[in-house]
Amino acid sequence: IKHELRTLDLEPKDSPFLGLPRREVDEAWSNLLAPSMVEISKREMQTMNKTSVKLKNSEGYVGYFEVFHQLHCLPPHIQPPSSYHTLIHPHLNPNLRSSIPEHCLSVLRQGLMCKPDLTLNTVVWDAEAPTGLHGFTRHQRRCVNWES
């Protein structure tokens, strides 16, 4: 894993992941989540003392990194549930599908609490802001380089 200093903009205006439901937004999420599943060798499974589903036509087992589980939980909260849940979980009955938002909020809350970003943000007085304050939204952080 490689890291880099990156300036993050907390008020993205041109994010490919946001906006009204459309093909480009779906593609951005799909591309981000594409590498989410990995093959775990039998030896690695034994070392971790874990069990998982065995892959067909392979000696490996199914695994995934928790970051992809957390990312997978974001779209339902920024896109209409009917589109995302039906696309990602077409096999689930509607009653079970309705429990996904609570599951996802729990996953995200626990992930954020486990590895919190403790970047110290600051604010300035802003008479035009609804609260009278405006937070600085551009911060430098040490981030994982997702292309590496």
C-alpha atoms as a PDB file:
ATOM      1  CA  ILE A   1       0.000   0.000   0.000  1.00  0.00           C
ATOM      2  CA  LYS A   2       1.382   3.385  -0.992  1.00  0.00           C
ATOM      3  CA  HIS A   3       0.468   6.668   0.673  1.00  0.00           C
ATOM      4  CA  GLU A   4       0.563  10.233  -0.578  1.00  0.00           C
ATOM      5  CA  LEU A   5      -0.220  13.710   0.697  1.00  0.00           C
ATOM      6  CA  ARG A   6      -3.497  14.803  -0.806  1.00  0.00           C
ATOM      7  CA  THR A   7      -5.647  17.897  -0.393  1.00  0.00           C
ATOM      8  CA  LEU A   8      -9.197  16.751   0.225  1.00  0.00           C
ATOM      9  CA  ASP A   9     -12.111  19.014  -0.626  1.00  0.00           C
ATOM     10  CA  LEU A  10     -14.987  18.365   1.758  1.00  0.00           C
ATOM     11  CA  GLU A  11     -17.396  20.275  -0.476  1.00  0.00           C
ATOM     12  CA  PRO A  12     -16.845  18.527  -3.833  1.00  0.00           C
ATOM     13  CA  LYS A  13     -18.665  20.160  -6.679  1.00  0.00           C
ATOM     14  CA  ASP A  14     -17.692  17.826  -9.499  1.00  0.00           C
ATOM     15  CA  SER A  15     -17.564  14.443  -7.773  1.00  0.00           C
ATOM     16  CA  PRO A  16     -18.387  11.537 -10.104  1.00  0.00           C
ATOM     17  CA  PHE A  17     -19.976   9.774  -7.105  1.00  0.00           C
ATOM     18  CA  LEU A  18     -22.650  12.399  -6.420  1.00  0.00           C
ATOM     19  CA  GLY A  19     -25.633  13.875  -8.173  1.00  0.00           C
ATOM     20  CA  LEU A  20     -28.902  12.652  -9.541  1.00  0.00           C
ATOM     21  CA  PRO A  21     -29.062   8.949 -10.409  1.00  0.00           C
ATOM     22  CA  ARG A  22     -27.511   8.479 -13.839  1.00  0.00           C
ATOM     23  CA  ARG A  23     -25.235   6.095 -15.699  1.00  0.00           C
ATOM     24  CA  GLU A  24     -22.045   8.064 -14.898  1.00  0.00           C
ATOM     25  CA  VAL A  25     -22.687   7.912 -11.139  1.00  0.00           C
ATOM     26  CA  ASP A  26     -23.440   4.178 -11.300  1.00  0.00           C
ATOM     27  CA  GLU A  27     -20.252   3.576 -13.319  1.00  0.00           C
ATOM     28  CA  ALA A  28     -18.108   5.567 -10.869  1.00  0.00           C
ATOM     29  CA  TRP A  29     -19.351   3.477  -7.932  1.00  0.00           C
ATOM     30  CA  SER A  30     -19.081   0.258  -9.906  1.00  0.00           C
ATOM     31  CA  ASN A  31     -15.462   1.004 -10.884  1.00  0.00           C
ATOM     32  CA  LEU A  32     -14.541   1.943  -7.313  1.00  0.00           C
ATOM     33  CA  LEU A  33     -16.048  -1.242  -5.885  1.00  0.00           C
ATOM     34  CA  ALA A  34     -14.919  -3.597  -8.679  1.00  0.00           C
ATOM     35  CA  PRO A  35     -11.823  -4.968  -6.907  1.00  0.00           C
ATOM     36  CA  SER A  36     -13.686  -5.618  -3.650  1.00  0.00           C
ATOM     37  CA  MET A  37     -13.458  -9.424  -3.572  1.00  0.00           C
ATOM     38  CA  VAL A  38     -10.131 -11.212  -3.225  1.00  0.00           C
ATOM     39  CA  GLU A  39      -8.969 -14.806  -3.228  1.00  0.00           C
ATOM     40  CA  ILE A  40      -7.466 -16.037   0.032  1.00  0.00           C
ATOM     41  CA  SER A  41      -5.183 -19.067  -0.086  1.00  0.00           C
ATOM     42  CA  LYS A  42      -5.722 -22.091   2.140  1.00  0.00           C
ATOM     43  CA  ARG A  43      -2.463 -21.269   3.941  1.00  0.00           C
ATOM     44  CA  GLU A  44      -3.588 -17.683   4.597  1.00  0.00           C
ATOM     45  CA  MET A  45      -6.912 -18.972   5.930  1.00  0.00           C
ATOM     46  CA  GLN A  46      -5.073 -21.275   8.326  1.00  0.00           C
ATOM     47  CA  THR A  47      -2.740 -18.470   9.431  1.00  0.00           C
ATOM     48  CA  MET A  48      -5.725 -16.178  10.145  1.00  0.00           C
ATOM     49  CA  ASN A  49      -7.647 -19.059  11.766  1.00  0.00           C
ATOM     50  CA  LYS A  50     -10.761 -18.110   9.783  1.00  0.00           C
ATOM     51  CA  THR A  51     -13.266 -19.864   7.551  1.00  0.00           C
ATOM     52  CA  SER A  52     -14.887 -18.685   4.330  1.00  0.00           C
ATOM     53  CA  VAL A  53     -16.672 -19.920   1.239  1.00  0.00           C
ATOM     54  CA  LYS A  54     -14.434 -21.988  -1.054  1.00  0.00           C
ATOM     55  CA  LEU A  55     -14.163 -20.694  -4.619  1.00  0.00           C
ATOM     56  CA  LYS A  56     -15.297 -22.907  -7.485  1.00  0.00           C
ATOM     57  CA  ASN A  57     -12.502 -24.008  -9.829  1.00  0.00           C
ATOM     58  CA  SER A  58      -9.844 -22.832  -7.370  1.00  0.00           C
ATOM     59  CA  GLU A  59      -8.081 -23.836  -4.177  1.00  0.00           C
ATOM     60  CA  GLY A  60      -8.789 -20.386  -2.706  1.00  0.00           C
ATOM     61  CA  TYR A  61     -11.481 -18.881  -0.530  1.00  0.00           C
ATOM     62  CA  VAL A  62     -13.608 -15.723  -0.774  1.00  0.00           C
ATOM     63  CA  GLY A  63     -12.449 -12.620   1.076  1.00  0.00           C
ATOM     64  CA  TYR A  64     -12.953  -8.880   1.017  1.00  0.00           C
ATOM     65  CA  PHE A  65     -11.405  -5.826   2.637  1.00  0.00           C
ATOM     66  CA  GLU A  66     -13.668  -4.001   5.082  1.00  0.00           C
ATOM     67  CA  VAL A  67     -13.070  -0.673   3.331  1.00  0.00           C
ATOM     68  CA  PHE A  68     -15.031  -2.006   0.337  1.00  0.00           C
ATOM     69  CA  HIS A  69     -17.880  -3.095   2.620  1.00  0.00           C
ATOM     70  CA  GLN A  70     -17.991   0.434   4.029  1.00  0.00           C
ATOM     71  CA  LEU A  71     -17.833   2.046   0.577  1.00  0.00           C
ATOM     72  CA  HIS A  72     -20.548  -0.323  -0.650  1.00  0.00           C
ATOM     73  CA  CYS A  73     -22.771   1.052   2.138  1.00  0.00           C
ATOM     74  CA  LEU A  74     -22.558   4.680   0.969  1.00  0.00           C
ATOM     75  CA  PRO A  75     -24.647   4.774  -2.253  1.00  0.00           C
ATOM     76  CA  PRO A  76     -27.942   3.826  -0.559  1.00  0.00           C
ATOM     77  CA  HIS A  77     -27.723   7.058   1.412  1.00  0.00           C
ATOM     78  CA  ILE A  78     -27.091   9.311  -1.579  1.00  0.00           C
ATOM     79  CA  GLN A  79     -29.227   7.615  -4.234  1.00  0.00           C
ATOM     80  CA  PRO A  80     -32.881   6.583  -4.175  1.00  0.00           C
ATOM     81  CA  PRO A  81     -33.057   3.203  -2.383  1.00  0.00           C
ATOM     82  CA  SER A  82     -35.173   1.624  -5.084  1.00  0.00           C
ATOM     83  CA  SER A  83     -32.443   1.974  -7.691  1.00  0.00           C
ATOM     84  CA  TYR A  84     -29.376   0.951  -5.674  1.00  0.00           C
ATOM     85  CA  HIS A  85     -30.836  -1.858  -3.569  1.00  0.00           C
ATOM     86  CA  THR A  86     -32.604  -3.413  -6.530  1.00  0.00           C
ATOM     87  CA  LEU A  87     -29.428  -3.247  -8.627  1.00  0.00           C
ATOM     88  CA  ILE A  88     -27.042  -4.569  -5.947  1.00  0.00           C
ATOM     89  CA  HIS A  89     -29.389  -6.945  -4.116  1.00  0.00           C
ATOM     90  CA  PRO A  90     -31.938  -8.120  -6.719  1.00  0.00           C
ATOM     91  CA  HIS A  91     -32.283 -11.522  -5.008  1.00  0.00           C
ATOM     92  CA  LEU A  92     -33.397 -10.110  -1.634  1.00  0.00           C
ATOM     93  CA  ASN A  93     -37.063  -9.862  -0.776  1.00  0.00           C
ATOM     94  CA  PRO A  94     -38.291  -6.298  -0.051  1.00  0.00           C
ATOM     95  CA  ASN A  95     -38.630  -6.935   3.709  1.00  0.00           C
ATOM     96  CA  LEU A  96     -34.997  -8.014   4.014  1.00  0.00           C
ATOM     97  CA  ARG A  97     -33.859  -5.265   1.641  1.00  0.00           C
ATOM     98  CA  SER A  98     -35.465  -2.668   3.935  1.00  0.00           C
ATOM     99  CA  SER A  99     -33.051  -3.640   6.745  1.00  0.00           C
ATOM    100  CA  ILE A 100     -29.973  -2.740   4.660  1.00  0.00           C
ATOM    101  CA  PRO A 101     -29.851   0.988   5.625  1.00  0.00           C
ATOM    102  CA  GLU A 102     -29.611   0.167   9.350  1.00  0.00           C
ATOM    103  CA  HIS A 103     -26.956  -2.473   8.630  1.00  0.00           C
ATOM    104  CA  CYS A 104     -24.978   0.000   6.531  1.00  0.00           C
ATOM    105  CA  LEU A 105     -25.203   2.836   9.058  1.00  0.00           C
ATOM    106  CA  SER A 106     -23.923   0.441  11.710  1.00  0.00           C
ATOM    107  CA  VAL A 107     -21.023  -0.663   9.460  1.00  0.00           C
ATOM    108  CA  LEU A 108     -20.060   2.948   8.701  1.00  0.00           C
ATOM    109  CA  ARG A 109     -20.392   4.143  12.316  1.00  0.00           C
ATOM    110  CA  GLN A 110     -18.258   1.301  13.641  1.00  0.00           C
ATOM    111  CA  GLY A 111     -15.647   1.745  10.901  1.00  0.00           C
ATOM    112  CA  LEU A 112     -15.346   5.465  11.573  1.00  0.00           C
ATOM    113  CA  MET A 113     -15.098   4.898  15.312  1.00  0.00           C
ATOM    114  CA  CYS A 114     -12.495   2.141  14.852  1.00  0.00           C
ATOM    115  CA  LYS A 115     -10.162   4.225  12.675  1.00  0.00           C
ATOM    116  CA  PRO A 116     -11.219   7.837  13.171  1.00  0.00           C
ATOM    117  CA  ASP A 117      -9.786  10.623  11.044  1.00  0.00           C
ATOM    118  CA  LEU A 118      -8.472  13.005  13.701  1.00  0.00           C
ATOM    119  CA  THR A 119      -7.617  15.837  11.305  1.00  0.00           C
ATOM    120  CA  LEU A 120      -8.208  19.042  13.255  1.00  0.00           C
ATOM    121  CA  ASN A 121     -10.513  21.300  11.243  1.00  0.00           C
ATOM    122  CA  THR A 122     -11.098  25.007  11.845  1.00  0.00           C
ATOM    123  CA  VAL A 123     -13.862  27.550  11.218  1.00  0.00           C
ATOM    124  CA  VAL A 124     -14.232  31.276  10.566  1.00  0.00           C
ATOM    125  CA  TRP A 125     -17.091  33.656  11.226  1.00  0.00           C
ATOM    126  CA  ASP A 126     -19.270  34.015   8.136  1.00  0.00           C
ATOM    127  CA  ALA A 127     -22.340  36.243   8.327  1.00  0.00           C
ATOM    128  CA  GLU A 128     -23.748  34.667   5.150  1.00  0.00           C
ATOM    129  CA  ALA A 129     -23.538  31.083   6.415  1.00  0.00           C
ATOM    130  CA  PRO A 130     -26.745  29.645   7.950  1.00  0.00           C
ATOM    131  CA  THR A 131     -24.987  28.990  11.273  1.00  0.00           C
ATOM    132  CA  GLY A 132     -22.823  32.123  11.227  1.00  0.00           C
ATOM    133  CA  LEU A 133     -19.738  29.935  10.897  1.00  0.00           C
ATOM    134  CA  HIS A 134     -18.016  28.456   7.888  1.00  0.00           C
ATOM    135  CA  GLY A 135     -15.697  25.472   8.162  1.00  0.00           C
ATOM    136  CA  PHE A 136     -12.533  25.292   6.118  1.00  0.00           C
ATOM    137  CA  THR A 137     -13.156  22.429   3.747  1.00  0.00           C
ATOM    138  CA  ARG A 138      -9.768  21.842   2.142  1.00  0.00           C
ATOM    139  CA  HIS A 139      -7.274  19.886   4.228  1.00  0.00           C
ATOM    140  CA  GLN A 140      -4.050  18.033   3.518  1.00  0.00           C
ATOM    141  CA  ARG A 141      -4.081  14.441   4.668  1.00  0.00           C
ATOM    142  CA  ARG A 142      -1.913  11.365   4.288  1.00  0.00           C
ATOM    143  CA  CYS A 143      -4.078   9.120   2.114  1.00  0.00           C
ATOM    144  CA  VAL A 144      -3.840   5.727   0.496  1.00  0.00           C
ATOM    145  CA  ASN A 145      -3.103   6.001  -3.220  1.00  0.00           C
ATOM    146  CA  TRP A 146      -5.956   3.922  -4.680  1.00  0.00           C
ATOM    147  CA  GLU A 147      -4.221   3.647  -8.065  1.00  0.00           C
ATOM    148  CA  SER A 148      -1.112   1.963  -6.607  1.00  0.00           C
END
